[in-house]
Amino acid sequence: GVGHNSILFMIEAQARYITQCLSWLDSGDLDAVEVRPEVQDGYNRAIDKSFQRTVWQDSEASMTSRTWYMHPEGRNTAIWPSFTASYWLSTRRAHRKDFVMTVREATTLPAKTNASHRRAA
């Protein structure tokens, strides 16, 4: 979410990003697309660092928002800490290198017979 701009803009950016990932699955060659753990961890560290300079993370300045935005363990998981344009830029293109791709195993289909194409005599 955002505390200062349109959530619709953020949702549209998310939907576009997800659609890119789903298009990889639509090719038919993959069974799964998952974010690499090290990419997810790096992203979370960057977000947490960005929050350090906001009122949403400062415990003294945000006592009232603490109950709204903060997870019980003290981590903000409900709001984007920067400009919506930076979110749009970061989700503009999904990069294959950031994901683990599970390749679909080849399956053998039964051979088609011509029986269905024969005319009754």
PDB file of N, CA and C in Angstrom:
ATOM      1  N   GLY A   1       0.797  -1.173   0.000  1.00  0.00           N
ATOM      2  CA  GLY A   1       0.000   0.000   0.000  1.00  0.00           C
ATOM      3  C   GLY A   1       0.853   1.255   0.000  1.00  0.00           C
ATOM      4  N   VAL A   2       0.179   2.340  -0.033  1.00  0.00           N
ATOM      5  CA  VAL A   2       0.832   3.640   0.015  1.00  0.00           C
ATOM      6  C   VAL A   2       0.083   4.529   0.992  1.00  0.00           C
ATOM      7  N   GLY A   3       0.792   5.381   1.667  1.00  0.00           N
ATOM      8  CA  GLY A   3       0.161   6.306   2.591  1.00  0.00           C
ATOM      9  C   GLY A   3       0.069   7.691   1.994  1.00  0.00           C
ATOM     10  N   HIS A   4       0.456   7.835   0.728  1.00  0.00           N
ATOM     11  CA  HIS A   4       0.583   9.161   0.156  1.00  0.00           C
ATOM     12  C   HIS A   4       0.204   9.241  -1.320  1.00  0.00           C
ATOM     13  N   ASN A   5      -0.349   8.191  -1.901  1.00  0.00           N
ATOM     14  CA  ASN A   5      -0.645   8.201  -3.326  1.00  0.00           C
ATOM     15  C   ASN A   5      -1.688   7.148  -3.645  1.00  0.00           C
ATOM     16  N   SER A   6      -1.901   6.895  -4.923  1.00  0.00           N
ATOM     17  CA  SER A   6      -2.946   5.975  -5.356  1.00  0.00           C
ATOM     18  C   SER A   6      -2.517   4.516  -5.284  1.00  0.00           C
ATOM     19  N   ILE A   7      -3.293   3.719  -4.562  1.00  0.00           N
ATOM     20  CA  ILE A   7      -3.032   2.280  -4.512  1.00  0.00           C
ATOM     21  C   ILE A   7      -3.332   1.640  -5.864  1.00  0.00           C
ATOM     22  N   LEU A   8      -4.229   2.233  -6.635  1.00  0.00           N
ATOM     23  CA  LEU A   8      -4.551   1.677  -7.952  1.00  0.00           C
ATOM     24  C   LEU A   8      -3.326   1.662  -8.864  1.00  0.00           C
ATOM     25  N   PHE A   9      -2.532   2.695  -8.806  1.00  0.00           N
ATOM     26  CA  PHE A   9      -1.301   2.760  -9.591  1.00  0.00           C
ATOM     27  C   PHE A   9      -0.375   1.612  -9.205  1.00  0.00           C
ATOM     28  N   MET A  10      -0.270   1.353  -7.910  1.00  0.00           N
ATOM     29  CA  MET A  10       0.584   0.271  -7.416  1.00  0.00           C
ATOM     30  C   MET A  10       0.053  -1.094  -7.867  1.00  0.00           C
ATOM     31  N   ILE A  11      -1.251  -1.281  -7.785  1.00  0.00           N
ATOM     32  CA  ILE A  11      -1.856  -2.553  -8.194  1.00  0.00           C
ATOM     33  C   ILE A  11      -1.649  -2.788  -9.687  1.00  0.00           C
ATOM     34  N   GLU A  12      -1.791  -1.747 -10.486  1.00  0.00           N
ATOM     35  CA  GLU A  12      -1.564  -1.886 -11.933  1.00  0.00           C
ATOM     36  C   GLU A  12      -0.118  -2.300 -12.220  1.00  0.00           C
ATOM     37  N   ALA A  13       0.834  -1.729 -11.496  1.00  0.00           N
ATOM     38  CA  ALA A  13       2.239  -2.097 -11.676  1.00  0.00           C
ATOM     39  C   ALA A  13       2.458  -3.555 -11.272  1.00  0.00           C
ATOM     40  N   GLN A  14       1.861  -3.971 -10.164  1.00  0.00           N
ATOM     41  CA  GLN A  14       1.974  -5.360  -9.722  1.00  0.00           C
ATOM     42  C   GLN A  14       1.374  -6.310 -10.746  1.00  0.00           C
ATOM     43  N   ALA A  15       0.200  -5.966 -11.253  1.00  0.00           N
ATOM     44  CA  ALA A  15      -0.478  -6.830 -12.227  1.00  0.00           C
ATOM     45  C   ALA A  15       0.349  -6.984 -13.501  1.00  0.00           C
ATOM     46  N   ARG A  16       0.945  -5.906 -13.954  1.00  0.00           N
ATOM     47  CA  ARG A  16       1.789  -5.973 -15.157  1.00  0.00           C
ATOM     48  C   ARG A  16       2.997  -6.886 -14.910  1.00  0.00           C
ATOM     49  N   TYR A  17       3.617  -6.754 -13.751  1.00  0.00           N
ATOM     50  CA  TYR A  17       4.780  -7.569 -13.397  1.00  0.00           C
ATOM     51  C   TYR A  17       4.397  -9.054 -13.334  1.00  0.00           C
ATOM     52  N   ILE A  18       3.317  -9.345 -12.660  1.00  0.00           N
ATOM     53  CA  ILE A  18       2.843 -10.729 -12.532  1.00  0.00           C
ATOM     54  C   ILE A  18       2.474 -11.304 -13.894  1.00  0.00           C
ATOM     55  N   THR A  19       1.860 -10.498 -14.738  1.00  0.00           N
ATOM     56  CA  THR A  19       1.490 -10.951 -16.080  1.00  0.00           C
ATOM     57  C   THR A  19       2.723 -11.343 -16.881  1.00  0.00           C
ATOM     58  N   GLN A  20       3.805 -10.602 -16.721  1.00  0.00           N
ATOM     59  CA  GLN A  20       5.061 -10.971 -17.409  1.00  0.00           C
ATOM     60  C   GLN A  20       5.524 -12.350 -16.956  1.00  0.00           C
ATOM     61  N   CYS A  21       5.484 -12.594 -15.656  1.00  0.00           N
ATOM     62  CA  CYS A  21       5.909 -13.896 -15.127  1.00  0.00           C
ATOM     63  C   CYS A  21       4.981 -15.012 -15.597  1.00  0.00           C
ATOM     64  N   LEU A  22       3.705 -14.747 -15.618  1.00  0.00           N
ATOM     65  CA  LEU A  22       2.751 -15.754 -16.088  1.00  0.00           C
ATOM     66  C   LEU A  22       2.938 -16.053 -17.575  1.00  0.00           C
ATOM     67  N   SER A  23       3.388 -15.063 -18.337  1.00  0.00           N
ATOM     68  CA  SER A  23       3.607 -15.304 -19.768  1.00  0.00           C
ATOM     69  C   SER A  23       4.731 -16.324 -19.975  1.00  0.00           C
ATOM     70  N   TRP A  24       5.689 -16.366 -19.049  1.00  0.00           N
ATOM     71  CA  TRP A  24       6.744 -17.386 -19.141  1.00  0.00           C
ATOM     72  C   TRP A  24       6.141 -18.773 -18.972  1.00  0.00           C
ATOM     73  N   LEU A  25       5.180 -18.898 -18.057  1.00  0.00           N
ATOM     74  CA  LEU A  25       4.503 -20.181 -17.859  1.00  0.00           C
ATOM     75  C   LEU A  25       3.629 -20.536 -19.054  1.00  0.00           C
ATOM     76  N   ASP A  26       3.062 -19.530 -19.664  1.00  0.00           N
ATOM     77  CA  ASP A  26       2.160 -19.736 -20.798  1.00  0.00           C
ATOM     78  C   ASP A  26       2.880 -20.329 -22.010  1.00  0.00           C
ATOM     79  N   SER A  27       4.202 -20.230 -22.026  1.00  0.00           N
ATOM     80  CA  SER A  27       4.959 -20.791 -23.150  1.00  0.00           C
ATOM     81  C   SER A  27       4.809 -22.303 -23.212  1.00  0.00           C
ATOM     82  N   GLY A  28       4.426 -22.913 -22.090  1.00  0.00           N
ATOM     83  CA  GLY A  28       4.232 -24.352 -22.042  1.00  0.00           C
ATOM     84  C   GLY A  28       5.477 -25.138 -21.676  1.00  0.00           C
ATOM     85  N   ASP A  29       6.619 -24.490 -21.551  1.00  0.00           N
ATOM     86  CA  ASP A  29       7.867 -25.183 -21.243  1.00  0.00           C
ATOM     87  C   ASP A  29       8.162 -25.247 -19.747  1.00  0.00           C
ATOM     88  N   LEU A  30       7.417 -24.505 -18.949  1.00  0.00           N
ATOM     89  CA  LEU A  30       7.721 -24.400 -17.516  1.00  0.00           C
ATOM     90  C   LEU A  30       6.557 -24.884 -16.666  1.00  0.00           C
ATOM     91  N   ASP A  31       6.905 -25.479 -15.525  1.00  0.00           N
ATOM     92  CA  ASP A  31       5.899 -25.866 -14.538  1.00  0.00           C
ATOM     93  C   ASP A  31       5.773 -24.831 -13.428  1.00  0.00           C
ATOM     94  N   ALA A  32       6.869 -24.112 -13.158  1.00  0.00           N
ATOM     95  CA  ALA A  32       6.849 -23.150 -12.056  1.00  0.00           C
ATOM     96  C   ALA A  32       7.869 -22.041 -12.280  1.00  0.00           C
ATOM     97  N   VAL A  33       7.548 -20.875 -11.724  1.00  0.00           N
ATOM     98  CA  VAL A  33       8.443 -19.723 -11.705  1.00  0.00           C
ATOM     99  C   VAL A  33       8.426 -19.212 -10.268  1.00  0.00           C
ATOM    100  N   GLU A  34       9.593 -19.221  -9.617  1.00  0.00           N
ATOM    101  CA  GLU A  34       9.683 -18.797  -8.225  1.00  0.00           C
ATOM    102  C   GLU A  34      10.820 -17.798  -8.059  1.00  0.00           C
ATOM    103  N   VAL A  35      10.594 -16.801  -7.219  1.00  0.00           N
ATOM    104  CA  VAL A  35      11.635 -15.814  -6.936  1.00  0.00           C
ATOM    105  C   VAL A  35      12.799 -16.511  -6.237  1.00  0.00           C
ATOM    106  N   ARG A  36      14.014 -16.208  -6.678  1.00  0.00           N
ATOM    107  CA  ARG A  36      15.204 -16.759  -6.022  1.00  0.00           C
ATOM    108  C   ARG A  36      15.263 -16.222  -4.591  1.00  0.00           C
ATOM    109  N   PRO A  37      15.530 -17.092  -3.617  1.00  0.00           N
ATOM    110  CA  PRO A  37      15.560 -16.638  -2.212  1.00  0.00           C
ATOM    111  C   PRO A  37      16.518 -15.472  -1.971  1.00  0.00           C
ATOM    112  N   GLU A  38      17.682 -15.487  -2.608  1.00  0.00           N
ATOM    113  CA  GLU A  38      18.640 -14.402  -2.388  1.00  0.00           C
ATOM    114  C   GLU A  38      18.139 -13.078  -2.968  1.00  0.00           C
ATOM    115  N   VAL A  39      17.338 -13.142  -4.025  1.00  0.00           N
ATOM    116  CA  VAL A  39      16.745 -11.937  -4.611  1.00  0.00           C
ATOM    117  C   VAL A  39      15.680 -11.391  -3.665  1.00  0.00           C
ATOM    118  N   GLN A  40      14.828 -12.270  -3.139  1.00  0.00           N
ATOM    119  CA  GLN A  40      13.795 -11.858  -2.187  1.00  0.00           C
ATOM    120  C   GLN A  40      14.416 -11.258  -0.932  1.00  0.00           C
ATOM    121  N   ASP A  41      15.463 -11.909  -0.410  1.00  0.00           N
ATOM    122  CA  ASP A  41      16.132 -11.393   0.789  1.00  0.00           C
ATOM    123  C   ASP A  41      16.758 -10.022   0.538  1.00  0.00           C
ATOM    124  N   GLY A  42      17.395  -9.856  -0.607  1.00  0.00           N
ATOM    125  CA  GLY A  42      17.994  -8.565  -0.953  1.00  0.00           C
ATOM    126  C   GLY A  42      16.951  -7.477  -1.079  1.00  0.00           C
ATOM    127  N   TYR A  43      15.826  -7.815  -1.699  1.00  0.00           N
ATOM    128  CA  TYR A  43      14.719  -6.867  -1.846  1.00  0.00           C
ATOM    129  C   TYR A  43      14.204  -6.443  -0.466  1.00  0.00           C
ATOM    130  N   ASN A  44      14.003  -7.426   0.409  1.00  0.00           N
ATOM    131  CA  ASN A  44      13.506  -7.108   1.758  1.00  0.00           C
ATOM    132  C   ASN A  44      14.487  -6.238   2.535  1.00  0.00           C
ATOM    133  N   ARG A  45      15.773  -6.513   2.409  1.00  0.00           N
ATOM    134  CA  ARG A  45      16.785  -5.676   3.089  1.00  0.00           C
ATOM    135  C   ARG A  45      16.735  -4.240   2.566  1.00  0.00           C
ATOM    136  N   ALA A  46      16.599  -4.091   1.257  1.00  0.00           N
ATOM    137  CA  ALA A  46      16.537  -2.747   0.660  1.00  0.00           C
ATOM    138  C   ALA A  46      15.294  -1.996   1.137  1.00  0.00           C
ATOM    139  N   ILE A  47      14.169  -2.677   1.208  1.00  0.00           N
ATOM    140  CA  ILE A  47      12.936  -2.040   1.686  1.00  0.00           C
ATOM    141  C   ILE A  47      13.097  -1.635   3.149  1.00  0.00           C
ATOM    142  N   ASP A  48      13.601  -2.553   3.971  1.00  0.00           N
ATOM    143  CA  ASP A  48      13.796  -2.237   5.386  1.00  0.00           C
ATOM    144  C   ASP A  48      14.725  -1.040   5.562  1.00  0.00           C
ATOM    145  N   LYS A  49      15.787  -0.973   4.765  1.00  0.00           N
ATOM    146  CA  LYS A  49      16.712   0.159   4.838  1.00  0.00           C
ATOM    147  C   LYS A  49      16.017   1.459   4.436  1.00  0.00           C
ATOM    148  N   SER A  50      15.170   1.388   3.412  1.00  0.00           N
ATOM    149  CA  SER A  50      14.432   2.583   2.971  1.00  0.00           C
ATOM    150  C   SER A  50      13.515   3.114   4.061  1.00  0.00           C
ATOM    151  N   PHE A  51      12.955   2.221   4.847  1.00  0.00           N
ATOM    152  CA  PHE A  51      12.057   2.632   5.923  1.00  0.00           C
ATOM    153  C   PHE A  51      12.779   3.363   7.040  1.00  0.00           C
ATOM    154  N   GLN A  52      14.062   3.136   7.199  1.00  0.00           N
ATOM    155  CA  GLN A  52      14.795   3.746   8.307  1.00  0.00           C
ATOM    156  C   GLN A  52      14.735   5.260   8.294  1.00  0.00           C
ATOM    157  N   ARG A  53      14.522   5.845   7.148  1.00  0.00           N
ATOM    158  CA  ARG A  53      14.493   7.308   7.073  1.00  0.00           C
ATOM    159  C   ARG A  53      13.066   7.870   6.914  1.00  0.00           C
ATOM    160  N   THR A  54      12.076   7.072   7.294  1.00  0.00           N
ATOM    161  CA  THR A  54      10.691   7.534   7.183  1.00  0.00           C
ATOM    162  C   THR A  54      10.027   7.627   8.549  1.00  0.00           C
ATOM    163  N   VAL A  55       8.948   8.376   8.620  1.00  0.00           N
ATOM    164  CA  VAL A  55       8.182   8.460   9.866  1.00  0.00           C
ATOM    165  C   VAL A  55       7.432   7.165  10.128  1.00  0.00           C
ATOM    166  N   TRP A  56       7.254   6.337   9.109  1.00  0.00           N
ATOM    167  CA  TRP A  56       6.523   5.088   9.293  1.00  0.00           C
ATOM    168  C   TRP A  56       7.325   4.055  10.062  1.00  0.00           C
ATOM    169  N   GLN A  57       8.612   4.232  10.164  1.00  0.00           N
ATOM    170  CA  GLN A  57       9.452   3.278  10.875  1.00  0.00           C
ATOM    171  C   GLN A  57       9.986   3.830  12.190  1.00  0.00           C
ATOM    172  N   ASP A  58      10.088   5.131  12.296  1.00  0.00           N
ATOM    173  CA  ASP A  58      10.617   5.757  13.509  1.00  0.00           C
ATOM    174  C   ASP A  58       9.630   5.535  14.655  1.00  0.00           C
ATOM    175  N   SER A  59      10.026   4.748  15.627  1.00  0.00           N
ATOM    176  CA  SER A  59       9.098   4.352  16.688  1.00  0.00           C
ATOM    177  C   SER A  59       8.593   5.540  17.506  1.00  0.00           C
ATOM    178  N   GLU A  60       9.407   6.563  17.700  1.00  0.00           N
ATOM    179  CA  GLU A  60       8.958   7.720  18.481  1.00  0.00           C
ATOM    180  C   GLU A  60       8.003   8.595  17.686  1.00  0.00           C
ATOM    181  N   ALA A  61       8.269   8.756  16.399  1.00  0.00           N
ATOM    182  CA  ALA A  61       7.440   9.641  15.577  1.00  0.00           C
ATOM    183  C   ALA A  61       6.161   8.973  15.110  1.00  0.00           C
ATOM    184  N   SER A  62       6.087   7.664  15.186  1.00  0.00           N
ATOM    185  CA  SER A  62       4.940   6.982  14.583  1.00  0.00           C
ATOM    186  C   SER A  62       4.198   6.070  15.546  1.00  0.00           C
ATOM    187  N   MET A  63       4.049   6.477  16.764  1.00  0.00           N
ATOM    188  CA  MET A  63       3.368   5.619  17.729  1.00  0.00           C
ATOM    189  C   MET A  63       1.954   5.254  17.281  1.00  0.00           C
ATOM    190  N   THR A  64       1.241   6.187  16.684  1.00  0.00           N
ATOM    191  CA  THR A  64      -0.110   5.855  16.241  1.00  0.00           C
ATOM    192  C   THR A  64      -0.077   5.000  14.974  1.00  0.00           C
ATOM    193  N   SER A  65       0.840   5.286  14.050  1.00  0.00           N
ATOM    194  CA  SER A  65       0.899   4.482  12.825  1.00  0.00           C
ATOM    195  C   SER A  65       1.527   3.121  13.103  1.00  0.00           C
ATOM    196  N   ARG A  66       2.232   2.977  14.195  1.00  0.00           N
ATOM    197  CA  ARG A  66       2.871   1.704  14.548  1.00  0.00           C
ATOM    198  C   ARG A  66       1.832   0.592  14.599  1.00  0.00           C
ATOM    199  N   THR A  67       0.693   0.845  15.168  1.00  0.00           N
ATOM    200  CA  THR A  67      -0.336  -0.183  15.262  1.00  0.00           C
ATOM    201  C   THR A  67      -0.980  -0.450  13.906  1.00  0.00           C
ATOM    202  N   TRP A  68      -0.953   0.513  13.012  1.00  0.00           N
ATOM    203  CA  TRP A  68      -1.579   0.356  11.701  1.00  0.00           C
ATOM    204  C   TRP A  68      -0.624  -0.245  10.677  1.00  0.00           C
ATOM    205  N   TYR A  69       0.575   0.264  10.571  1.00  0.00           N
ATOM    206  CA  TYR A  69       1.512  -0.165   9.536  1.00  0.00           C
ATOM    207  C   TYR A  69       2.488  -1.247   9.980  1.00  0.00           C
ATOM    208  N   MET A  70       2.732  -1.342  11.267  1.00  0.00           N
ATOM    209  CA  MET A  70       3.795  -2.209  11.760  1.00  0.00           C
ATOM    210  C   MET A  70       3.296  -3.612  12.105  1.00  0.00           C
ATOM    211  N   HIS A  71       4.099  -4.584  11.727  1.00  0.00           N
ATOM    212  CA  HIS A  71       3.884  -5.968  12.118  1.00  0.00           C
ATOM    213  C   HIS A  71       4.179  -6.047  13.618  1.00  0.00           C
ATOM    214  N   PRO A  72       3.563  -6.958  14.351  1.00  0.00           N
ATOM    215  CA  PRO A  72       3.828  -7.038  15.800  1.00  0.00           C
ATOM    216  C   PRO A  72       5.309  -7.140  16.171  1.00  0.00           C
ATOM    217  N   GLU A  73       6.129  -7.712  15.280  1.00  0.00           N
ATOM    218  CA  GLU A  73       7.567  -7.798  15.559  1.00  0.00           C
ATOM    219  C   GLU A  73       8.315  -6.512  15.222  1.00  0.00           C
ATOM    220  N   GLY A  74       7.609  -5.480  14.745  1.00  0.00           N
ATOM    221  CA  GLY A  74       8.242  -4.198  14.481  1.00  0.00           C
ATOM    222  C   GLY A  74       8.630  -3.939  13.043  1.00  0.00           C
ATOM    223  N   ARG A  75       8.296  -4.835  12.122  1.00  0.00           N
ATOM    224  CA  ARG A  75       8.641  -4.650  10.712  1.00  0.00           C
ATOM    225  C   ARG A  75       7.426  -4.086   9.968  1.00  0.00           C
ATOM    226  N   ASN A  76       7.679  -3.098   9.148  1.00  0.00           N
ATOM    227  CA  ASN A  76       6.611  -2.501   8.352  1.00  0.00           C
ATOM    228  C   ASN A  76       6.420  -3.346   7.099  1.00  0.00           C
ATOM    229  N   THR A  77       5.268  -3.976   6.979  1.00  0.00           N
ATOM    230  CA  THR A  77       4.984  -4.826   5.825  1.00  0.00           C
ATOM    231  C   THR A  77       3.753  -4.354   5.051  1.00  0.00           C
ATOM    232  N   ALA A  78       3.255  -3.173   5.374  1.00  0.00           N
ATOM    233  CA  ALA A  78       1.990  -2.741   4.807  1.00  0.00           C
ATOM    234  C   ALA A  78       2.072  -1.538   3.876  1.00  0.00           C
ATOM    235  N   ILE A  79       3.224  -0.908   3.770  1.00  0.00           N
ATOM    236  CA  ILE A  79       3.279   0.337   3.013  1.00  0.00           C
ATOM    237  C   ILE A  79       4.582   0.418   2.227  1.00  0.00           C
ATOM    238  N   TRP A  80       4.547   1.104   1.094  1.00  0.00           N
ATOM    239  CA  TRP A  80       5.735   1.310   0.261  1.00  0.00           C
ATOM    240  C   TRP A  80       6.458   2.549   0.773  1.00  0.00           C
ATOM    241  N   PRO A  81       7.770   2.465   1.020  1.00  0.00           N
ATOM    242  CA  PRO A  81       8.478   3.566   1.669  1.00  0.00           C
ATOM    243  C   PRO A  81       8.978   4.683   0.753  1.00  0.00           C
ATOM    244  N   SER A  82       8.633   4.650  -0.512  1.00  0.00           N
ATOM    245  CA  SER A  82       9.200   5.625  -1.437  1.00  0.00           C
ATOM    246  C   SER A  82       8.119   6.159  -2.373  1.00  0.00           C
ATOM    247  N   PHE A  83       8.556   6.773  -3.439  1.00  0.00           N
ATOM    248  CA  PHE A  83       7.631   7.319  -4.431  1.00  0.00           C
ATOM    249  C   PHE A  83       7.023   6.207  -5.275  1.00  0.00           C
ATOM    250  N   THR A  84       5.794   6.411  -5.717  1.00  0.00           N
ATOM    251  CA  THR A  84       5.156   5.402  -6.563  1.00  0.00           C
ATOM    252  C   THR A  84       5.910   5.228  -7.878  1.00  0.00           C
ATOM    253  N   ALA A  85       6.545   6.278  -8.368  1.00  0.00           N
ATOM    254  CA  ALA A  85       7.328   6.170  -9.610  1.00  0.00           C
ATOM    255  C   ALA A  85       8.488   5.192  -9.427  1.00  0.00           C
ATOM    256  N   SER A  86       9.093   5.159  -8.251  1.00  0.00           N
ATOM    257  CA  SER A  86      10.185   4.214  -8.016  1.00  0.00           C
ATOM    258  C   SER A  86       9.654   2.785  -7.972  1.00  0.00           C
ATOM    259  N   TYR A  87       8.443   2.613  -7.465  1.00  0.00           N
ATOM    260  CA  TYR A  87       7.829   1.277  -7.470  1.00  0.00           C
ATOM    261  C   TYR A  87       7.551   0.847  -8.906  1.00  0.00           C
ATOM    262  N   TRP A  88       6.996   1.756  -9.675  1.00  0.00           N
ATOM    263  CA  TRP A  88       6.711   1.470 -11.085  1.00  0.00           C
ATOM    264  C   TRP A  88       7.991   1.070 -11.818  1.00  0.00           C
ATOM    265  N   LEU A  89       9.062   1.815 -11.588  1.00  0.00           N
ATOM    266  CA  LEU A  89      10.336   1.485 -12.240  1.00  0.00           C
ATOM    267  C   LEU A  89      10.861   0.115 -11.809  1.00  0.00           C
ATOM    268  N   SER A  90      10.719  -0.208 -10.528  1.00  0.00           N
ATOM    269  CA  SER A  90      11.250  -1.486 -10.040  1.00  0.00           C
ATOM    270  C   SER A  90      10.418  -2.680 -10.497  1.00  0.00           C
ATOM    271  N   THR A  91       9.178  -2.448 -10.879  1.00  0.00           N
ATOM    272  CA  THR A  91       8.314  -3.544 -11.342  1.00  0.00           C
ATOM    273  C   THR A  91       8.026  -3.473 -12.840  1.00  0.00           C
ATOM    274  N   ARG A  92       8.687  -2.569 -13.512  1.00  0.00           N
ATOM    275  CA  ARG A  92       8.421  -2.364 -14.938  1.00  0.00           C
ATOM    276  C   ARG A  92       8.739  -3.604 -15.765  1.00  0.00           C
ATOM    277  N   ARG A  93       9.792  -4.318 -15.393  1.00  0.00           N
ATOM    278  CA  ARG A  93      10.196  -5.488 -16.165  1.00  0.00           C
ATOM    279  C   ARG A  93      10.656  -6.588 -15.218  1.00  0.00           C
ATOM    280  N   ALA A  94      10.091  -7.775 -15.381  1.00  0.00           N
ATOM    281  CA  ALA A  94      10.538  -8.944 -14.620  1.00  0.00           C
ATOM    282  C   ALA A  94      11.770  -9.511 -15.315  1.00  0.00           C
ATOM    283  N   HIS A  95      12.797  -9.791 -14.533  1.00  0.00           N
ATOM    284  CA  HIS A  95      14.048 -10.313 -15.092  1.00  0.00           C
ATOM    285  C   HIS A  95      14.161 -11.801 -14.787  1.00  0.00           C
ATOM    286  N   ARG A  96      14.331 -12.600 -15.822  1.00  0.00           N
ATOM    287  CA  ARG A  96      14.414 -14.058 -15.664  1.00  0.00           C
ATOM    288  C   ARG A  96      15.509 -14.472 -14.683  1.00  0.00           C
ATOM    289  N   LYS A  97      16.591 -13.731 -14.623  1.00  0.00           N
ATOM    290  CA  LYS A  97      17.702 -14.092 -13.733  1.00  0.00           C
ATOM    291  C   LYS A  97      17.304 -14.034 -12.259  1.00  0.00           C
ATOM    292  N   ASP A  98      16.210 -13.357 -11.946  1.00  0.00           N
ATOM    293  CA  ASP A  98      15.747 -13.237 -10.567  1.00  0.00           C
ATOM    294  C   ASP A  98      14.865 -14.406 -10.128  1.00  0.00           C
ATOM    295  N   PHE A  99      14.631 -15.341 -11.039  1.00  0.00           N
ATOM    296  CA  PHE A  99      13.692 -16.425 -10.775  1.00  0.00           C
ATOM    297  C   PHE A  99      14.309 -17.793 -11.006  1.00  0.00           C
ATOM    298  N   VAL A 100      13.788 -18.771 -10.292  1.00  0.00           N
ATOM    299  CA  VAL A 100      14.097 -20.175 -10.539  1.00  0.00           C
ATOM    300  C   VAL A 100      12.985 -20.685 -11.437  1.00  0.00           C
ATOM    301  N   MET A 101      13.371 -21.233 -12.566  1.00  0.00           N
ATOM    302  CA  MET A 101      12.398 -21.758 -13.526  1.00  0.00           C
ATOM    303  C   MET A 101      12.417 -23.284 -13.458  1.00  0.00           C
ATOM    304  N   THR A 102      11.282 -23.865 -13.190  1.00  0.00           N
ATOM    305  CA  THR A 102      11.179 -25.317 -13.180  1.00  0.00           C
ATOM    306  C   THR A 102      10.682 -25.750 -14.549  1.00  0.00           C
ATOM    307  N   VAL A 103      11.545 -26.438 -15.264  1.00  0.00           N
ATOM    308  CA  VAL A 103      11.229 -26.853 -16.632  1.00  0.00           C
ATOM    309  C   VAL A 103      10.303 -28.057 -16.588  1.00  0.00           C
ATOM    310  N   ARG A 104       9.300 -28.019 -17.431  1.00  0.00           N
ATOM    311  CA  ARG A 104       8.339 -29.113 -17.534  1.00  0.00           C
ATOM    312  C   ARG A 104       9.030 -30.345 -18.090  1.00  0.00           C
ATOM    313  N   GLU A 105       8.791 -31.461 -17.440  1.00  0.00           N
ATOM    314  CA  GLU A 105       9.350 -32.719 -17.935  1.00  0.00           C
ATOM    315  C   GLU A 105       8.588 -33.146 -19.178  1.00  0.00           C
ATOM    316  N   ALA A 106       9.323 -33.695 -20.128  1.00  0.00           N
ATOM    317  CA  ALA A 106       8.694 -34.171 -21.367  1.00  0.00           C
ATOM    318  C   ALA A 106       7.796 -35.356 -21.044  1.00  0.00           C
ATOM    319  N   THR A 107       6.623 -35.324 -21.590  1.00  0.00           N
ATOM    320  CA  THR A 107       5.700 -36.444 -21.409  1.00  0.00           C
ATOM    321  C   THR A 107       5.425 -37.063 -22.765  1.00  0.00           C
ATOM    322  N   THR A 108       5.222 -38.344 -22.750  1.00  0.00           N
ATOM    323  CA  THR A 108       4.924 -39.044 -23.994  1.00  0.00           C
ATOM    324  C   THR A 108       3.424 -39.224 -24.081  1.00  0.00           C
ATOM    325  N   LEU A 109       2.857 -38.693 -25.129  1.00  0.00           N
ATOM    326  CA  LEU A 109       1.428 -38.830 -25.355  1.00  0.00           C
ATOM    327  C   LEU A 109       1.193 -40.046 -26.251  1.00  0.00           C
ATOM    328  N   PRO A 110       0.059 -40.708 -26.068  1.00  0.00           N
ATOM    329  CA  PRO A 110      -0.225 -41.844 -26.945  1.00  0.00           C
ATOM    330  C   PRO A 110      -0.286 -41.382 -28.398  1.00  0.00           C
ATOM    331  N   ALA A 111       0.211 -42.217 -29.284  1.00  0.00           N
ATOM    332  CA  ALA A 111       0.191 -41.878 -30.709  1.00  0.00           C
ATOM    333  C   ALA A 111      -1.244 -41.830 -31.193  1.00  0.00           C
ATOM    334  N   LYS A 112      -1.530 -40.873 -32.059  1.00  0.00           N
ATOM    335  CA  LYS A 112      -2.866 -40.763 -32.636  1.00  0.00           C
ATOM    336  C   LYS A 112      -3.035 -41.879 -33.657  1.00  0.00           C
ATOM    337  N   THR A 113      -4.209 -42.413 -33.666  1.00  0.00           N
ATOM    338  CA  THR A 113      -4.499 -43.434 -34.675  1.00  0.00           C
ATOM    339  C   THR A 113      -5.382 -42.826 -35.737  1.00  0.00           C
ATOM    340  N   ASN A 114      -5.399 -43.454 -36.854  1.00  0.00           N
ATOM    341  CA  ASN A 114      -6.252 -42.977 -37.937  1.00  0.00           C
ATOM    342  C   ASN A 114      -7.664 -43.505 -37.806  1.00  0.00           C
ATOM    343  N   ALA A 115      -7.941 -44.272 -36.767  1.00  0.00           N
ATOM    344  CA  ALA A 115      -9.261 -44.876 -36.603  1.00  0.00           C
ATOM    345  C   ALA A 115     -10.345 -43.816 -36.530  1.00  0.00           C
ATOM    346  N   SER A 116     -10.077 -42.716 -35.917  1.00  0.00           N
ATOM    347  CA  SER A 116     -11.107 -41.682 -35.779  1.00  0.00           C
ATOM    348  C   SER A 116     -11.377 -40.990 -37.098  1.00  0.00           C
ATOM    349  N   HIS A 117     -10.483 -41.154 -38.063  1.00  0.00           N
ATOM    350  CA  HIS A 117     -10.649 -40.492 -39.344  1.00  0.00           C
ATOM    351  C   HIS A 117     -11.197 -41.434 -40.422  1.00  0.00           C
ATOM    352  N   ARG A 118     -11.330 -42.704 -40.101  1.00  0.00           N
ATOM    353  CA  ARG A 118     -11.851 -43.662 -41.075  1.00  0.00           C
ATOM    354  C   ARG A 118     -13.348 -43.532 -41.195  1.00  0.00           C
ATOM    355  N   ARG A 119     -13.806 -43.725 -42.379  1.00  0.00           N
ATOM    356  CA  ARG A 119     -15.251 -43.705 -42.616  1.00  0.00           C
ATOM    357  C   ARG A 119     -15.815 -45.105 -42.434  1.00  0.00           C
ATOM    358  N   ALA A 120     -16.996 -45.126 -41.945  1.00  0.00           N
ATOM    359  CA  ALA A 120     -17.648 -46.425 -41.800  1.00  0.00           C
ATOM    360  C   ALA A 120     -17.961 -46.979 -43.178  1.00  0.00           C
ATOM    361  N   ALA A 121     -17.758 -48.262 -43.374  1.00  0.00           N
ATOM    362  CA  ALA A 121     -17.994 -48.876 -44.686  1.00  0.00           C
ATOM    363  C   ALA A 121     -19.412 -49.285 -44.847  1.00  0.00           C
TER     364      ALA A 121
END
